[in-house]
Amino acid sequence: MRLGLTPSAHVFVCGNRREGSPLGPGCGDAGERVFTLLKDVVLGGGLARRVWITKTACLGLCPKSGTTVAVYPQGVIQTEVLPEDCPTIMKIATGDDRR
């Protein structure tokens, strides 16, 4: 076994799809857009060792619109996240959050 890298933040983006469900469509489309934007920011900004972005299935909080995003170890979970919220998610992940 080999010790892997340890990021300062791991961002989980729900990409769950619930086609035909009475609960709604899930985070699928919004999750895909948010995941892609966050991944592009991390890769383009040279942050790939510090901040990991992972697309997941259901995170347990299903928004009416947007997607759900969890940032650890910060322990921040945001719902109804849209692409325009990505700068805020990155501020939380990089420790530049002045909430």
C-alpha atoms as a PDB file:
ATOM      1  CA  MET A   1       0.000   0.000   0.000  1.00  0.00           C
ATOM      2  CA  ARG A   2       1.190   3.497  -0.778  1.00  0.00           C
ATOM      3  CA  LEU A   3       0.236   6.746   0.926  1.00  0.00           C
ATOM      4  CA  GLY A   4      -1.639   8.997  -1.467  1.00  0.00           C
ATOM      5  CA  LEU A   5      -1.845  12.751  -1.695  1.00  0.00           C
ATOM      6  CA  THR A   6      -3.951  14.562   0.864  1.00  0.00           C
ATOM      7  CA  PRO A   7      -5.865  17.559  -0.475  1.00  0.00           C
ATOM      8  CA  SER A   8      -6.723  20.553   1.687  1.00  0.00           C
ATOM      9  CA  ALA A   9     -10.306  20.281   0.388  1.00  0.00           C
ATOM     10  CA  HIS A  10     -12.405  17.676  -1.338  1.00  0.00           C
ATOM     11  CA  VAL A  11     -15.494  18.997  -3.140  1.00  0.00           C
ATOM     12  CA  PHE A  12     -18.296  16.526  -3.852  1.00  0.00           C
ATOM     13  CA  VAL A  13     -20.832  17.534  -6.528  1.00  0.00           C
ATOM     14  CA  CYS A  14     -24.055  15.557  -6.882  1.00  0.00           C
ATOM     15  CA  GLY A  15     -24.720  14.415 -10.425  1.00  0.00           C
ATOM     16  CA  ASN A  16     -27.594  12.086  -9.551  1.00  0.00           C
ATOM     17  CA  ARG A  17     -30.360  11.684 -12.136  1.00  0.00           C
ATOM     18  CA  ARG A  18     -33.888  10.543 -11.312  1.00  0.00           C
ATOM     19  CA  GLU A  19     -35.601  10.207 -14.676  1.00  0.00           C
ATOM     20  CA  GLY A  20     -39.372   9.997 -14.354  1.00  0.00           C
ATOM     21  CA  SER A  21     -39.348  10.272 -10.565  1.00  0.00           C
ATOM     22  CA  PRO A  22     -42.149  12.086  -8.712  1.00  0.00           C
ATOM     23  CA  LEU A  23     -39.346  13.693  -6.679  1.00  0.00           C
ATOM     24  CA  GLY A  24     -38.095  15.534  -9.749  1.00  0.00           C
ATOM     25  CA  PRO A  25     -35.137  15.038 -12.053  1.00  0.00           C
ATOM     26  CA  GLY A  26     -32.402  15.221  -9.423  1.00  0.00           C
ATOM     27  CA  CYS A  27     -29.172  17.175  -9.644  1.00  0.00           C
ATOM     28  CA  GLY A  28     -28.040  15.705 -12.975  1.00  0.00           C
ATOM     29  CA  ASP A  29     -27.845  18.590 -15.448  1.00  0.00           C
ATOM     30  CA  ALA A  30     -26.913  21.260 -12.907  1.00  0.00           C
ATOM     31  CA  GLY A  31     -24.471  18.854 -11.272  1.00  0.00           C
ATOM     32  CA  GLU A  32     -22.739  18.210 -14.590  1.00  0.00           C
ATOM     33  CA  ARG A  33     -22.359  21.944 -15.268  1.00  0.00           C
ATOM     34  CA  VAL A  34     -21.125  22.753 -11.740  1.00  0.00           C
ATOM     35  CA  PHE A  35     -18.730  19.783 -11.732  1.00  0.00           C
ATOM     36  CA  THR A  36     -17.239  20.797 -15.093  1.00  0.00           C
ATOM     37  CA  LEU A  37     -16.807  24.439 -14.068  1.00  0.00           C
ATOM     38  CA  LEU A  38     -15.171  23.579 -10.732  1.00  0.00           C
ATOM     39  CA  LYS A  39     -12.884  21.015 -12.381  1.00  0.00           C
ATOM     40  CA  ASP A  40     -11.839  23.580 -15.010  1.00  0.00           C
ATOM     41  CA  VAL A  41     -11.056  26.170 -12.320  1.00  0.00           C
ATOM     42  CA  VAL A  42      -8.974  23.688 -10.334  1.00  0.00           C
ATOM     43  CA  LEU A  43      -7.048  22.389 -13.334  1.00  0.00           C
ATOM     44  CA  GLY A  44      -6.597  25.839 -14.884  1.00  0.00           C
ATOM     45  CA  GLY A  45      -5.496  27.389 -11.607  1.00  0.00           C
ATOM     46  CA  GLY A  46      -2.894  24.779 -10.724  1.00  0.00           C
ATOM     47  CA  LEU A  47      -4.918  23.650  -7.695  1.00  0.00           C
ATOM     48  CA  ALA A  48      -5.265  19.959  -8.574  1.00  0.00           C
ATOM     49  CA  ARG A  49      -3.086  18.796  -5.663  1.00  0.00           C
ATOM     50  CA  ARG A  50      -4.828  21.074  -3.145  1.00  0.00           C
ATOM     51  CA  VAL A  51      -8.488  20.825  -4.152  1.00  0.00           C
ATOM     52  CA  TRP A  52     -10.128  17.687  -5.466  1.00  0.00           C
ATOM     53  CA  ILE A  53     -13.446  17.796  -7.301  1.00  0.00           C
ATOM     54  CA  THR A  54     -15.493  14.580  -7.416  1.00  0.00           C
ATOM     55  CA  LYS A  55     -18.870  13.936  -9.032  1.00  0.00           C
ATOM     56  CA  THR A  56     -21.037  11.723  -6.826  1.00  0.00           C
ATOM     57  CA  ALA A  57     -24.427  10.115  -6.722  1.00  0.00           C
ATOM     58  CA  CYS A  58     -27.015  11.377  -4.230  1.00  0.00           C
ATOM     59  CA  LEU A  59     -25.686  13.379  -1.272  1.00  0.00           C
ATOM     60  CA  GLY A  60     -29.034  13.098   0.534  1.00  0.00           C
ATOM     61  CA  LEU A  61     -30.238  16.689   0.133  1.00  0.00           C
ATOM     62  CA  CYS A  62     -32.275  17.026  -3.051  1.00  0.00           C
ATOM     63  CA  PRO A  63     -32.830  20.631  -4.136  1.00  0.00           C
ATOM     64  CA  LYS A  64     -35.757  21.801  -6.249  1.00  0.00           C
ATOM     65  CA  SER A  65     -33.242  23.378  -8.632  1.00  0.00           C
ATOM     66  CA  GLY A  66     -29.476  23.343  -9.004  1.00  0.00           C
ATOM     67  CA  THR A  67     -27.340  20.714  -7.330  1.00  0.00           C
ATOM     68  CA  THR A  68     -25.967  19.844  -3.896  1.00  0.00           C
ATOM     69  CA  VAL A  69     -22.272  20.350  -3.138  1.00  0.00           C
ATOM     70  CA  ALA A  70     -20.332  19.243  -0.055  1.00  0.00           C
ATOM     71  CA  VAL A  71     -16.873  20.587   0.832  1.00  0.00           C
ATOM     72  CA  TYR A  72     -14.694  18.652   3.279  1.00  0.00           C
ATOM     73  CA  PRO A  73     -12.972  18.858   5.699  1.00  0.00           C
ATOM     74  CA  GLN A  74     -14.669  22.248   5.966  1.00  0.00           C
ATOM     75  CA  GLY A  75     -17.987  20.479   6.524  1.00  0.00           C
ATOM     76  CA  VAL A  76     -19.948  22.882   4.334  1.00  0.00           C
ATOM     77  CA  ILE A  77     -22.944  21.576   2.403  1.00  0.00           C
ATOM     78  CA  GLN A  78     -24.700  23.894  -0.048  1.00  0.00           C
ATOM     79  CA  THR A  79     -27.915  23.107  -1.908  1.00  0.00           C
ATOM     80  CA  GLU A  80     -29.470  24.727  -4.977  1.00  0.00           C
ATOM     81  CA  VAL A  81     -25.956  25.426  -6.285  1.00  0.00           C
ATOM     82  CA  LEU A  82     -25.890  26.870  -9.797  1.00  0.00           C
ATOM     83  CA  PRO A  83     -22.886  27.509 -12.067  1.00  0.00           C
ATOM     84  CA  GLU A  84     -22.737  31.139 -10.944  1.00  0.00           C
ATOM     85  CA  ASP A  85     -22.131  29.893  -7.361  1.00  0.00           C
ATOM     86  CA  CYS A  86     -18.837  28.201  -8.297  1.00  0.00           C
ATOM     87  CA  PRO A  87     -16.645  31.146  -7.163  1.00  0.00           C
ATOM     88  CA  THR A  88     -18.197  30.887  -3.686  1.00  0.00           C
ATOM     89  CA  ILE A  89     -17.613  27.128  -3.582  1.00  0.00           C
ATOM     90  CA  MET A  90     -13.970  27.684  -4.558  1.00  0.00           C
ATOM     91  CA  LYS A  91     -13.547  30.317  -1.835  1.00  0.00           C
ATOM     92  CA  ILE A  92     -14.813  27.816   0.737  1.00  0.00           C
ATOM     93  CA  ALA A  93     -12.547  25.059  -0.633  1.00  0.00           C
ATOM     94  CA  THR A  94      -9.419  27.213  -0.721  1.00  0.00           C
ATOM     95  CA  GLY A  95      -9.967  28.838   2.666  1.00  0.00           C
ATOM     96  CA  ASP A  96     -10.651  32.255   1.168  1.00  0.00           C
ATOM     97  CA  ASP A  97     -14.222  32.266   2.518  1.00  0.00           C
ATOM     98  CA  ARG A  98     -15.085  35.477   4.322  1.00  0.00           C
ATOM     99  CA  ARG A  99     -18.631  34.491   5.335  1.00  0.00           C
END
